[in-house]
C-alpha atoms as a PDB file:
ATOM      1  CA  MET A   1       0.000   0.000   0.000  1.00  0.00           C
ATOM      2  CA  ILE A   2       2.804   2.394   0.932  1.00  0.00           C
ATOM      3  CA  ASN A   3       4.692   1.593  -2.272  1.00  0.00           C
ATOM      4  CA  ASP A   4       1.532   2.130  -4.321  1.00  0.00           C
ATOM      5  CA  PHE A   5       0.969   5.497  -2.652  1.00  0.00           C
ATOM      6  CA  GLU A   6       4.579   6.567  -3.217  1.00  0.00           C
ATOM      7  CA  GLN A   7       4.392   5.475  -6.842  1.00  0.00           C
ATOM      8  CA  GLU A   8       1.162   7.410  -7.313  1.00  0.00           C
ATOM      9  CA  MET A   9       2.752  10.521  -5.791  1.00  0.00           C
ATOM     10  CA  GLU A  10       5.780  10.176  -8.072  1.00  0.00           C
ATOM     11  CA  VAL A  11       3.506   9.995 -11.110  1.00  0.00           C
ATOM     12  CA  LYS A  12       1.569  13.065  -9.962  1.00  0.00           C
ATOM     13  CA  GLU A  13       4.836  14.903  -9.312  1.00  0.00           C
ATOM     14  CA  LEU A  14       6.149  14.161 -12.799  1.00  0.00           C
ATOM     15  CA  GLU A  15       2.840  15.153 -14.394  1.00  0.00           C
ATOM     16  CA  LEU A  16       2.696  18.434 -12.458  1.00  0.00           C
ATOM     17  CA  LYS A  17       6.319  19.256 -13.280  1.00  0.00           C
ATOM     18  CA  ALA A  18       5.658  18.618 -16.965  1.00  0.00           C
ATOM     19  CA  GLU A  19       2.574  20.835 -16.900  1.00  0.00           C
ATOM     20  CA  ILE A  20       4.360  23.672 -15.084  1.00  0.00           C
ATOM     21  CA  LYS A  21       7.328  23.329 -17.447  1.00  0.00           C
ATOM     22  CA  LYS A  22       5.003  23.713 -20.429  1.00  0.00           C
ATOM     23  CA  THR A  23       3.147  26.716 -18.989  1.00  0.00           C
ATOM     24  CA  GLY A  24       6.348  28.419 -17.830  1.00  0.00           C
ATOM     25  CA  GLY A  25       7.767  27.834 -21.291  1.00  0.00           C
ATOM     26  CA  LYS A  26       4.801  29.624 -22.845  1.00  0.00           C
ATOM     27  CA  CYS A  27       5.391  32.621 -20.570  1.00  0.00           C
ATOM     28  CA  SER A  28       9.068  32.773 -21.532  1.00  0.00           C
ATOM     29  CA  LYS A  29       8.172  32.330 -25.197  1.00  0.00           C
ATOM     30  CA  ILE A  30       5.962  35.422 -25.021  1.00  0.00           C
ATOM     31  CA  LEU A  31       8.770  37.494 -23.500  1.00  0.00           C
ATOM     32  CA  LEU A  32      11.486  36.181 -25.808  1.00  0.00           C
ATOM     33  CA  ILE A  33       9.364  37.095 -28.826  1.00  0.00           C
ATOM     34  CA  LEU A  34       8.715  40.500 -27.225  1.00  0.00           C
ATOM     35  CA  ALA A  35      12.417  41.190 -26.650  1.00  0.00           C
ATOM     36  CA  ILE A  36      13.620  39.997 -30.052  1.00  0.00           C
ATOM     37  CA  SER A  37      10.828  41.747 -31.967  1.00  0.00           C
ATOM     38  CA  THR A  38      11.443  45.021 -30.109  1.00  0.00           C
ATOM     39  CA  TYR A  39      15.112  45.104 -31.053  1.00  0.00           C
ATOM     40  CA  ALA A  40      14.389  43.760 -34.547  1.00  0.00           C
ATOM     41  CA  ILE A  41      11.937  46.610 -35.186  1.00  0.00           C
ATOM     42  CA  GLY A  42      14.366  49.211 -33.829  1.00  0.00           C
ATOM     43  CA  TYR A  43      17.355  47.976 -35.812  1.00  0.00           C
ATOM     44  CA  GLY A  44      15.084  47.366 -38.808  1.00  0.00           C
ATOM     45  CA  ILE A  45      14.151  51.052 -38.879  1.00  0.00           C
ATOM     46  CA  ILE A  46      17.828  52.040 -38.695  1.00  0.00           C
ATOM     47  CA  PHE A  47      18.691  49.612 -41.516  1.00  0.00           C
ATOM     48  CA  ILE A  48      15.888  50.902 -43.770  1.00  0.00           C
ATOM     49  CA  VAL A  49      16.962  54.525 -43.284  1.00  0.00           C
ATOM     50  CA  LYS A  50      20.622  53.730 -43.972  1.00  0.00           C
ATOM     51  CA  PHE A  51      19.676  51.622 -46.998  1.00  0.00           C
ATOM     52  CA  ILE A  52      17.579  54.443 -48.491  1.00  0.00           C
ATOM     53  CA  ASN A  53      20.431  56.894 -47.938  1.00  0.00           C
ATOM     54  CA  TYR A  54      22.894  54.455 -49.539  1.00  0.00           C
ATOM     55  CA  ILE A  55      20.696  53.860 -52.619  1.00  0.00           C
ATOM     56  CA  SER A  56      20.073  57.582 -53.005  1.00  0.00           C
ATOM     57  CA  LYS A  57      23.770  58.397 -52.926  1.00  0.00           C
ATOM     58  CA  LYS A  58      25.055  55.466 -55.013  1.00  0.00           C
ATOM     59  CA  TYR A  59      22.471  55.246 -57.789  1.00  0.00           C
ATOM     60  CA  TYR A  60      20.870  58.681 -57.933  1.00  0.00           C
ATOM     61  CA  HIS A  61      23.986  60.720 -57.086  1.00  0.00           C
ATOM     62  CA  ASN A  62      22.088  63.312 -55.083  1.00  0.00           C
ATOM     63  CA  ASN A  63      22.490  64.778 -51.653  1.00  0.00           C
ATOM     64  CA  PHE A  64      19.166  63.428 -50.389  1.00  0.00           C
ATOM     65  CA  SER A  65      19.584  61.929 -46.943  1.00  0.00           C
ATOM     66  CA  ILE A  66      17.162  61.018 -44.192  1.00  0.00           C
ATOM     67  CA  THR A  67      18.339  62.436 -40.890  1.00  0.00           C
ATOM     68  CA  PHE A  68      16.657  62.534 -37.501  1.00  0.00           C
ATOM     69  CA  SER A  69      16.956  64.649 -34.411  1.00  0.00           C
ATOM     70  CA  ASP A  70      17.785  62.805 -31.191  1.00  0.00           C
ATOM     71  CA  ASP A  71      14.130  63.033 -30.130  1.00  0.00           C
ATOM     72  CA  VAL A  72      12.829  61.517 -33.366  1.00  0.00           C
ATOM     73  CA  ARG A  73      15.473  58.803 -33.217  1.00  0.00           C
ATOM     74  CA  SER A  74      14.552  57.950 -29.615  1.00  0.00           C
ATOM     75  CA  PHE A  75      10.931  57.634 -30.681  1.00  0.00           C
ATOM     76  CA  LEU A  76      11.538  55.529 -33.798  1.00  0.00           C
ATOM     77  CA  VAL A  77      14.115  53.131 -32.352  1.00  0.00           C
ATOM     78  CA  GLY A  78      13.207  53.460 -28.665  1.00  0.00           C
ATOM     79  CA  TYR A  79       9.683  53.507 -27.315  1.00  0.00           C
ATOM     80  CA  LEU A  80       7.817  52.937 -30.608  1.00  0.00           C
ATOM     81  CA  PRO A  81       9.432  49.479 -31.036  1.00  0.00           C
ATOM     82  CA  CYS A  82       8.655  48.808 -27.341  1.00  0.00           C
ATOM     83  CA  VAL A  83       4.953  49.472 -27.930  1.00  0.00           C
ATOM     84  CA  LEU A  84       4.878  47.380 -31.110  1.00  0.00           C
ATOM     85  CA  GLY A  85       6.807  44.579 -29.373  1.00  0.00           C
ATOM     86  CA  ASP A  86       4.335  44.592 -26.473  1.00  0.00           C
ATOM     87  CA  ILE A  87       1.371  44.445 -28.865  1.00  0.00           C
ATOM     88  CA  LEU A  88       2.939  41.533 -30.766  1.00  0.00           C
ATOM     89  CA  ALA A  89       3.591  39.736 -27.455  1.00  0.00           C
ATOM     90  CA  ILE A  90      -0.056  40.211 -26.444  1.00  0.00           C
ATOM     91  CA  ILE A  91      -1.235  38.751 -29.760  1.00  0.00           C
ATOM     92  CA  VAL A  92       1.080  35.759 -29.275  1.00  0.00           C
ATOM     93  CA  ALA A  93      -0.142  35.373 -25.675  1.00  0.00           C
ATOM     94  CA  ILE A  94      -3.781  35.320 -26.782  1.00  0.00           C
ATOM     95  CA  LEU A  95      -2.990  32.596 -29.312  1.00  0.00           C
ATOM     96  CA  ILE A  96      -0.939  30.298 -27.076  1.00  0.00           C
ATOM     97  CA  THR A  97      -2.655  30.726 -23.691  1.00  0.00           C
ATOM     98  CA  LYS A  98      -6.290  30.892 -24.845  1.00  0.00           C
ATOM     99  CA  ILE A  99      -6.834  33.558 -22.159  1.00  0.00           C
ATOM    100  CA  LYS A 100      -9.378  36.167 -23.215  1.00  0.00           C
ATOM    101  CA  LEU A 101      -8.811  39.848 -22.500  1.00  0.00           C
ATOM    102  CA  LYS A 102     -12.344  40.890 -21.558  1.00  0.00           C
ATOM    103  CA  GLU A 103     -13.594  37.692 -19.921  1.00  0.00           C
ATOM    104  CA  ASP A 104     -10.418  36.758 -18.007  1.00  0.00           C
ATOM    105  CA  LEU A 105      -8.367  39.921 -17.445  1.00  0.00           C
ATOM    106  CA  PHE A 106     -10.495  43.058 -17.684  1.00  0.00           C
ATOM    107  CA  THR A 107     -13.071  41.711 -15.271  1.00  0.00           C
ATOM    108  CA  LYS A 108     -15.087  43.716 -12.760  1.00  0.00           C
ATOM    109  CA  ASN A 109     -12.966  44.994  -9.886  1.00  0.00           C
ATOM    110  CA  LYS A 110     -13.773  43.367  -6.519  1.00  0.00           C
ATOM    111  CA  ALA A 111     -11.465  45.463  -4.331  1.00  0.00           C
ATOM    112  CA  SER A 112     -12.298  48.646  -2.444  1.00  0.00           C
ATOM    113  CA  LYS A 113     -11.175  52.071  -3.644  1.00  0.00           C
ATOM    114  CA  SER A 114      -9.095  52.524  -0.485  1.00  0.00           C
ATOM    115  CA  PHE A 115      -7.230  49.263  -1.224  1.00  0.00           C
ATOM    116  CA  ILE A 116      -6.420  50.371  -4.769  1.00  0.00           C
ATOM    117  CA  LEU A 117      -5.392  53.887  -3.711  1.00  0.00           C
ATOM    118  CA  LEU A 118      -3.192  52.726  -0.837  1.00  0.00           C
ATOM    119  CA  GLY A 119      -1.714  49.975  -3.004  1.00  0.00           C
ATOM    120  CA  ALA A 120      -0.853  52.467  -5.741  1.00  0.00           C
ATOM    121  CA  VAL A 121       0.819  54.916  -3.350  1.00  0.00           C
ATOM    122  CA  SER A 122       2.675  52.007  -1.711  1.00  0.00           C
ATOM    123  CA  CYS A 123       4.592  51.626  -4.971  1.00  0.00           C
ATOM    124  CA  ILE A 124       6.530  54.722  -3.882  1.00  0.00           C
ATOM    125  CA  GLY A 125       7.691  53.034  -0.679  1.00  0.00           C
ATOM    126  CA  THR A 126       8.531  49.854  -2.576  1.00  0.00           C
ATOM    127  CA  GLY A 127      10.577  51.893  -5.038  1.00  0.00           C
ATOM    128  CA  MET A 128      12.513  53.488  -2.178  1.00  0.00           C
ATOM    129  CA  ILE A 129      13.437  50.075  -0.762  1.00  0.00           C
ATOM    130  CA  SER A 130      14.533  49.010  -4.244  1.00  0.00           C
ATOM    131  CA  SER A 131      16.707  52.119  -4.583  1.00  0.00           C
ATOM    132  CA  ILE A 132      18.474  51.343  -1.294  1.00  0.00           C
ATOM    133  CA  ILE A 133      19.195  47.757  -2.384  1.00  0.00           C
ATOM    134  CA  TYR A 134      20.397  48.961  -5.797  1.00  0.00           C
ATOM    135  CA  SER A 135      22.692  51.537  -4.162  1.00  0.00           C
ATOM    136  CA  ILE A 136      24.308  48.748  -2.136  1.00  0.00           C
ATOM    137  CA  TYR A 137      25.182  46.449  -5.045  1.00  0.00           C
ATOM    138  CA  TYR A 138      26.049  49.437  -7.277  1.00  0.00           C
ATOM    139  CA  THR A 139      28.558  50.646  -4.661  1.00  0.00           C
ATOM    140  CA  ILE A 140      30.034  47.158  -4.251  1.00  0.00           C
ATOM    141  CA  LEU A 141      30.547  46.777  -8.011  1.00  0.00           C
ATOM    142  CA  LYS A 142      31.902  50.329  -8.332  1.00  0.00           C
ATOM    143  CA  THR A 143      34.584  49.671  -5.688  1.00  0.00           C
ATOM    144  CA  LYS A 144      35.722  46.771  -7.878  1.00  0.00           C
ATOM    145  CA  GLY A 145      35.872  49.054 -10.906  1.00  0.00           C
ATOM    146  CA  ILE A 146      32.757  47.636 -12.575  1.00  0.00           C
ATOM    147  CA  ILE A 147      30.254  50.055 -14.098  1.00  0.00           C
ATOM    148  CA  ILE A 148      26.569  49.165 -14.415  1.00  0.00           C
ATOM    149  CA  PRO A 149      25.161  50.448 -17.745  1.00  0.00           C
ATOM    150  CA  GLN A 150      22.597  53.200 -17.157  1.00  0.00           C
ATOM    151  CA  PRO A 151      19.426  53.184 -19.298  1.00  0.00           C
ATOM    152  CA  ASN A 152      18.662  56.426 -21.122  1.00  0.00           C
ATOM    153  CA  PHE A 153      15.838  58.085 -19.182  1.00  0.00           C
ATOM    154  CA  SER A 154      16.425  61.560 -20.630  1.00  0.00           C
ATOM    155  CA  PHE A 155      13.406  63.648 -21.616  1.00  0.00           C
ATOM    156  CA  PRO A 156      12.843  64.689 -25.253  1.00  0.00           C
ATOM    157  CA  ASN A 157      13.302  68.407 -25.985  1.00  0.00           C
ATOM    158  CA  GLU A 158      10.695  68.702 -28.738  1.00  0.00           C
ATOM    159  CA  LYS A 159       7.152  69.230 -27.441  1.00  0.00           C
ATOM    160  CA  LEU A 160       5.510  66.556 -29.628  1.00  0.00           C
ATOM    161  CA  TYR A 161       7.956  63.841 -28.617  1.00  0.00           C
ATOM    162  CA  LEU A 162       7.837  64.888 -24.971  1.00  0.00           C
ATOM    163  CA  ILE A 163       4.057  64.332 -25.078  1.00  0.00           C
ATOM    164  CA  LEU A 164       4.514  60.970 -26.843  1.00  0.00           C
ATOM    165  CA  PHE A 165       7.147  59.974 -24.280  1.00  0.00           C
ATOM    166  CA  LEU A 166       4.824  60.998 -21.439  1.00  0.00           C
ATOM    167  CA  LEU A 167       1.967  58.956 -22.938  1.00  0.00           C
ATOM    168  CA  TYR A 168       4.224  55.924 -23.307  1.00  0.00           C
ATOM    169  CA  VAL A 169       5.705  56.050 -19.800  1.00  0.00           C
ATOM    170  CA  CYS A 170       2.544  56.980 -17.891  1.00  0.00           C
ATOM    171  CA  LEU A 171      -0.270  55.431 -19.936  1.00  0.00           C
ATOM    172  CA  VAL A 172       0.449  53.073 -22.830  1.00  0.00           C
ATOM    173  CA  GLY A 173       3.435  51.282 -21.268  1.00  0.00           C
ATOM    174  CA  PRO A 174       1.700  50.432 -17.961  1.00  0.00           C
ATOM    175  CA  ILE A 175      -1.432  49.183 -19.735  1.00  0.00           C
ATOM    176  CA  LEU A 176       0.460  46.889 -22.116  1.00  0.00           C
ATOM    177  CA  GLU A 177       2.846  45.618 -19.431  1.00  0.00           C
ATOM    178  CA  GLU A 178       0.028  44.843 -17.002  1.00  0.00           C
ATOM    179  CA  ILE A 179      -1.840  42.914 -19.700  1.00  0.00           C
ATOM    180  CA  ILE A 180       1.286  40.807 -20.254  1.00  0.00           C
ATOM    181  CA  PHE A 181       2.573  40.302 -16.698  1.00  0.00           C
ATOM    182  CA  ARG A 182      -0.366  40.583 -14.283  1.00  0.00           C
ATOM    183  CA  GLY A 183      -2.616  39.415 -17.094  1.00  0.00           C
ATOM    184  CA  PHE A 184      -1.389  36.506 -19.191  1.00  0.00           C
ATOM    185  CA  ILE A 185       1.623  35.386 -17.134  1.00  0.00           C
ATOM    186  CA  LEU A 186       0.096  35.692 -13.651  1.00  0.00           C
ATOM    187  CA  LYS A 187      -3.209  34.217 -14.836  1.00  0.00           C
ATOM    188  CA  SER A 188      -1.484  31.294 -16.576  1.00  0.00           C
ATOM    189  CA  MET A 189       0.505  30.345 -13.468  1.00  0.00           C
ATOM    190  CA  ARG A 190      -2.178  30.849 -10.798  1.00  0.00           C
ATOM    191  CA  LYS A 191      -3.554  27.327 -11.266  1.00  0.00           C
ATOM    192  CA  TYR A 192      -0.319  26.079  -9.658  1.00  0.00           C
ATOM    193  CA  GLY A 193      -0.646  28.416  -6.674  1.00  0.00           C
ATOM    194  CA  ASN A 194      -0.757  32.161  -6.093  1.00  0.00           C
ATOM    195  CA  LEU A 195       2.705  32.427  -4.545  1.00  0.00           C
ATOM    196  CA  THR A 196       4.263  30.510  -7.431  1.00  0.00           C
ATOM    197  CA  ALA A 197       2.484  32.800  -9.893  1.00  0.00           C
ATOM    198  CA  ILE A 198       3.513  35.953  -8.008  1.00  0.00           C
ATOM    199  CA  ILE A 199       7.179  34.929  -7.800  1.00  0.00           C
ATOM    200  CA  LEU A 200       7.438  33.827 -11.428  1.00  0.00           C
ATOM    201  CA  SER A 201       5.630  36.856 -12.865  1.00  0.00           C
ATOM    202  CA  SER A 202       7.778  39.218 -10.766  1.00  0.00           C
ATOM    203  CA  ILE A 203      11.056  37.567 -11.817  1.00  0.00           C
ATOM    204  CA  LEU A 204      10.026  37.700 -15.471  1.00  0.00           C
ATOM    205  CA  PHE A 205       8.939  41.332 -15.029  1.00  0.00           C
ATOM    206  CA  SER A 206      12.449  42.126 -13.801  1.00  0.00           C
ATOM    207  CA  MET A 207      14.113  40.210 -16.644  1.00  0.00           C
ATOM    208  CA  PHE A 208      11.884  42.008 -19.146  1.00  0.00           C
ATOM    209  CA  HIS A 209      13.595  45.343 -18.343  1.00  0.00           C
ATOM    210  CA  LEU A 210      16.976  43.939 -19.463  1.00  0.00           C
ATOM    211  CA  ASN A 211      19.167  46.056 -17.184  1.00  0.00           C
ATOM    212  CA  LEU A 212      20.604  45.811 -13.681  1.00  0.00           C
ATOM    213  CA  VAL A 213      19.443  49.308 -12.712  1.00  0.00           C
ATOM    214  CA  GLN A 214      15.855  48.066 -12.960  1.00  0.00           C
ATOM    215  CA  PHE A 215      16.507  44.624 -11.481  1.00  0.00           C
ATOM    216  CA  ILE A 216      15.233  44.827  -7.900  1.00  0.00           C
ATOM    217  CA  ASN A 217      12.439  47.378  -8.350  1.00  0.00           C
ATOM    218  CA  PRO A 218      10.389  45.345 -10.881  1.00  0.00           C
ATOM    219  CA  ILE A 219      10.559  42.310  -8.585  1.00  0.00           C
ATOM    220  CA  LEU A 220       9.270  44.164  -5.513  1.00  0.00           C
ATOM    221  CA  VAL A 221       6.767  46.298  -7.417  1.00  0.00           C
ATOM    222  CA  GLY A 222       5.776  43.191  -9.376  1.00  0.00           C
ATOM    223  CA  ILE A 223       4.894  41.397  -6.130  1.00  0.00           C
ATOM    224  CA  LEU A 224       2.792  44.370  -5.025  1.00  0.00           C
ATOM    225  CA  LEU A 225       1.016  44.676  -8.390  1.00  0.00           C
ATOM    226  CA  ALA A 226       0.379  40.925  -8.485  1.00  0.00           C
ATOM    227  CA  PHE A 227      -1.216  41.080  -5.027  1.00  0.00           C
ATOM    228  CA  ILE A 228      -3.405  43.976  -6.163  1.00  0.00           C
ATOM    229  CA  ALA A 229      -4.462  42.070  -9.290  1.00  0.00           C
ATOM    230  CA  ILE A 230      -5.267  38.864  -7.386  1.00  0.00           C
ATOM    231  CA  GLU A 231      -7.096  40.599  -4.536  1.00  0.00           C
ATOM    232  CA  SER A 232      -9.227  42.638  -6.952  1.00  0.00           C
ATOM    233  CA  ASP A 233      -9.638  39.751  -9.430  1.00  0.00           C
ATOM    234  CA  SER A 234      -8.948  42.202 -12.251  1.00  0.00           C
ATOM    235  CA  ILE A 235      -6.001  43.949 -13.888  1.00  0.00           C
ATOM    236  CA  PHE A 236      -7.766  47.330 -13.850  1.00  0.00           C
ATOM    237  CA  PRO A 237      -6.435  48.177 -10.337  1.00  0.00           C
ATOM    238  CA  SER A 238      -2.892  46.991 -11.111  1.00  0.00           C
ATOM    239  CA  ILE A 239      -2.914  49.161 -14.253  1.00  0.00           C
ATOM    240  CA  ILE A 240      -3.951  52.165 -12.138  1.00  0.00           C
ATOM    241  CA  ALA A 241      -1.182  51.433  -9.611  1.00  0.00           C
ATOM    242  CA  HIS A 242       1.407  50.971 -12.368  1.00  0.00           C
ATOM    243  CA  MET A 243       0.341  54.215 -14.066  1.00  0.00           C
ATOM    244  CA  PHE A 244       0.529  56.076 -10.747  1.00  0.00           C
ATOM    245  CA  ASN A 245       4.008  54.693 -10.027  1.00  0.00           C
ATOM    246  CA  ASN A 246       5.370  55.709 -13.428  1.00  0.00           C
ATOM    247  CA  THR A 247       3.696  59.129 -13.319  1.00  0.00           C
ATOM    248  CA  ILE A 248       5.166  59.969  -9.904  1.00  0.00           C
ATOM    249  CA  THR A 249       8.605  58.858 -11.110  1.00  0.00           C
ATOM    250  CA  PHE A 250       8.157  61.027 -14.213  1.00  0.00           C
ATOM    251  CA  ILE A 251       7.202  64.059 -12.092  1.00  0.00           C
ATOM    252  CA  LEU A 252      10.150  63.499  -9.736  1.00  0.00           C
ATOM    253  CA  SER A 253      12.539  63.342 -12.703  1.00  0.00           C
ATOM    254  CA  ALA A 254      11.009  66.510 -14.184  1.00  0.00           C
ATOM    255  CA  ILE A 255      11.390  68.398 -10.896  1.00  0.00           C
ATOM    256  CA  THR A 256      15.021  67.274 -10.690  1.00  0.00           C
ATOM    257  CA  LEU A 257      15.630  68.716 -14.170  1.00  0.00           C
ATOM    258  CA  LEU A 258      14.247  72.094 -13.065  1.00  0.00           C
ATOM    259  CA  LYS A 259      17.226  72.391 -10.688  1.00  0.00           C
ATOM    260  CA  ILE A 260      15.308  74.441  -8.138  1.00  0.00           C
ATOM    261  CA  PRO A 261      16.756  73.219  -4.797  1.00  0.00           C
ATOM    262  CA  GLY A 262      13.816  74.324  -2.631  1.00  0.00           C
ATOM    263  CA  VAL A 263      11.161  72.683  -4.802  1.00  0.00           C
ATOM    264  CA  GLN A 264      13.228  69.537  -5.282  1.00  0.00           C
ATOM    265  CA  MET A 265      13.910  69.196  -1.555  1.00  0.00           C
ATOM    266  CA  ALA A 266      10.261  69.758  -0.616  1.00  0.00           C
ATOM    267  CA  PHE A 267       8.978  67.243  -3.154  1.00  0.00           C
ATOM    268  CA  SER A 268      11.636  64.675  -2.190  1.00  0.00           C
ATOM    269  CA  PHE A 269      10.725  65.041   1.489  1.00  0.00           C
ATOM    270  CA  LEU A 270       7.027  64.625   0.694  1.00  0.00           C
ATOM    271  CA  TYR A 271       7.865  61.667  -1.568  1.00  0.00           C
ATOM    272  CA  VAL A 272       9.725  59.865   1.225  1.00  0.00           C
ATOM    273  CA  ILE A 273       7.125  60.541   3.939  1.00  0.00           C
ATOM    274  CA  VAL A 274       4.149  59.565   1.766  1.00  0.00           C
ATOM    275  CA  GLY A 275       5.915  56.488   0.377  1.00  0.00           C
ATOM    276  CA  ILE A 276       6.983  55.083   3.750  1.00  0.00           C
ATOM    277  CA  THR A 277       3.639  55.880   5.407  1.00  0.00           C
ATOM    278  CA  ALA A 278       1.569  54.365   2.593  1.00  0.00           C
ATOM    279  CA  LEU A 279       3.615  51.160   2.456  1.00  0.00           C
ATOM    280  CA  ALA A 280       3.510  50.758   6.247  1.00  0.00           C
ATOM    281  CA  LEU A 281      -0.272  51.281   6.323  1.00  0.00           C
ATOM    282  CA  PHE A 282      -0.752  48.898   3.399  1.00  0.00           C
ATOM    283  CA  ILE A 283       1.230  46.151   5.144  1.00  0.00           C
ATOM    284  CA  ILE A 284      -0.598  46.692   8.452  1.00  0.00           C
ATOM    285  CA  LYS A 285      -4.037  46.784   6.850  1.00  0.00           C
ATOM    286  CA  TYR A 286      -3.672  44.115   4.162  1.00  0.00           C
ATOM    287  CA  GLY A 287      -0.734  41.999   5.344  1.00  0.00           C
ATOM    288  CA  LYS A 288      -3.018  39.220   6.601  1.00  0.00           C
ATOM    289  CA  ASP A 289      -4.896  39.183   3.292  1.00  0.00           C
ATOM    290  CA  PHE A 290      -1.586  38.785   1.472  1.00  0.00           C
ATOM    291  CA  MET A 291      -0.598  35.868   3.709  1.00  0.00           C
ATOM    292  CA  LYS A 292      -3.934  34.178   2.990  1.00  0.00           C
ATOM    293  CA  ILE A 293      -3.520  34.654  -0.741  1.00  0.00           C
ATOM    294  CA  ILE A 294      -0.032  33.134  -0.919  1.00  0.00           C
ATOM    295  CA  LYS A 295      -1.007  29.934   0.874  1.00  0.00           C
ATOM    296  CA  GLU A 296      -0.930  27.110  -1.649  1.00  0.00           C
ATOM    297  CA  ASP A 297      -0.949  23.340  -1.862  1.00  0.00           C
ATOM    298  CA  THR A 298       2.592  21.942  -1.586  1.00  0.00           C
ATOM    299  CA  THR A 299       1.576  18.298  -1.157  1.00  0.00           C
ATOM    300  CA  ILE A 300       3.020  17.266  -4.510  1.00  0.00           C
ATOM    301  CA  LEU A 301       5.615  19.970  -5.165  1.00  0.00           C
ATOM    302  CA  GLU A 302       7.218  22.601  -2.960  1.00  0.00           C
ATOM    303  CA  ILE A 303       7.136  26.188  -4.203  1.00  0.00           C
ATOM    304  CA  HIS A 304      10.841  26.231  -5.118  1.00  0.00           C
ATOM    305  CA  GLU A 305      10.313  23.033  -7.129  1.00  0.00           C
ATOM    306  CA  LYS A 306       7.450  24.672  -9.031  1.00  0.00           C
ATOM    307  CA  ILE A 307       9.597  27.718  -9.806  1.00  0.00           C
ATOM    308  CA  ARG A 308      12.467  25.489 -10.946  1.00  0.00           C
ATOM    309  CA  ALA A 309      10.108  23.494 -13.154  1.00  0.00           C
ATOM    310  CA  SER A 310       8.714  26.669 -14.722  1.00  0.00           C
ATOM    311  CA  PHE A 311      12.229  27.650 -15.844  1.00  0.00           C
ATOM    312  CA  SER A 312      13.231  24.172 -17.082  1.00  0.00           C
ATOM    313  CA  GLY A 313      11.637  24.196 -20.543  1.00  0.00           C
ATOM    314  CA  GLY A 314      13.364  24.985 -23.828  1.00  0.00           C
ATOM    315  CA  TRP A 315      11.795  28.425 -24.244  1.00  0.00           C
ATOM    316  CA  SER A 316      12.561  29.296 -20.614  1.00  0.00           C
ATOM    317  CA  ILE A 317      16.211  28.285 -20.946  1.00  0.00           C
ATOM    318  CA  ALA A 318      16.454  30.229 -24.212  1.00  0.00           C
ATOM    319  CA  TYR A 319      15.082  33.346 -22.513  1.00  0.00           C
ATOM    320  CA  ILE A 320      17.464  32.961 -19.552  1.00  0.00           C
ATOM    321  CA  VAL A 321      20.425  32.600 -21.939  1.00  0.00           C
ATOM    322  CA  PHE A 322      19.246  35.646 -23.923  1.00  0.00           C
ATOM    323  CA  TYR A 323      18.962  37.674 -20.700  1.00  0.00           C
ATOM    324  CA  ILE A 324      22.389  36.659 -19.368  1.00  0.00           C
ATOM    325  CA  VAL A 325      24.123  37.252 -22.715  1.00  0.00           C
ATOM    326  CA  PHE A 326      22.446  40.658 -23.064  1.00  0.00           C
ATOM    327  CA  ILE A 327      23.308  41.788 -19.518  1.00  0.00           C
ATOM    328  CA  ILE A 328      26.911  40.545 -19.662  1.00  0.00           C
ATOM    329  CA  GLY A 329      27.325  41.883 -23.198  1.00  0.00           C
ATOM    330  CA  THR A 330      26.194  45.409 -22.314  1.00  0.00           C
ATOM    331  CA  MET A 331      28.301  45.428 -19.140  1.00  0.00           C
ATOM    332  CA  LEU A 332      31.386  44.241 -21.032  1.00  0.00           C
ATOM    333  CA  ALA A 333      30.850  46.849 -23.744  1.00  0.00           C
ATOM    334  CA  ILE A 334      30.566  49.714 -21.239  1.00  0.00           C
ATOM    335  CA  ASN A 335      33.520  48.595 -19.118  1.00  0.00           C
ATOM    336  CA  VAL A 336      35.778  47.859 -22.110  1.00  0.00           C
ATOM    337  CA  MET A 337      35.020  51.341 -23.507  1.00  0.00           C
ATOM    338  CA  LYS A 338      35.900  52.788 -20.099  1.00  0.00           C
ATOM    339  CA  VAL A 339      39.285  51.046 -20.141  1.00  0.00           C
ATOM    340  CA  LEU A 340      39.999  52.117 -23.730  1.00  0.00           C
ATOM    341  CA  ASN A 341      39.114  55.754 -23.003  1.00  0.00           C
ATOM    342  CA  ASN A 342      41.413  55.941 -19.965  1.00  0.00           C
END
């Protein structure tokens, strides 16, 4: 009887691992397609422009040449490809997960307004914790002479592209990213347990950003946004929280650019107080709800075994390799250039 039970459990374990491996692979497939298509579109635009300029000069012998300002270039090879890549990833996700946008993701919100508001403002406190952690490993690497590549967060100078950049950062980006991460990925993995789904979606959200500056923050904010999405049974609230987080960050960056010490100091002080207070209140008020949500059945597989299984498929391994190669490649490029310039 004992042997039969053990054999039955082994079969169930293998079946569950295979299922999680397949689902995790689908999630990684979505993100790998997103990453590759984003860069393919960006470099494709550059290639087309250079090709047109080459043909014009070689065969038509004229001075016609397509040139862009930095703002136009940032739009065409920066956030426009990001939007198109996200849309392509969503189309792929719909096809391979069979999850429906309206019926499964944009459902009626079940959470209170106070929960959503406090959760959104708590993103500030979460971001502050992330900044402290980042400062620690940045300092450690810097003492060893290693530079972490900094993403270009500079604002466009031209009014039109500043508006487009604002719309991308504060509106379009959060909507598309929430559909992908707290939508398709979180929803796909929840059948294996909420904590497993939260951890996996948050790790993938961090990897999606493809830089070490935004490594910790997406994990912590991802956990918070996942909790908001699960508790409300809809991605509407997590979209609101994500939009709020990005908008506040945008405003803080804009105030920093103004270089008015008094205004910057006042806003920074308010930012810290509000962020810490909101996060503390959110934990006190909804901490027990979070603990209830993350309880899951570990009879067959422990949580770490589920996470390992979700990253064991071919698509998952391919995405991990892509991420590591990209991160190491960009770090090597920056640090080699530093050595050559010295």
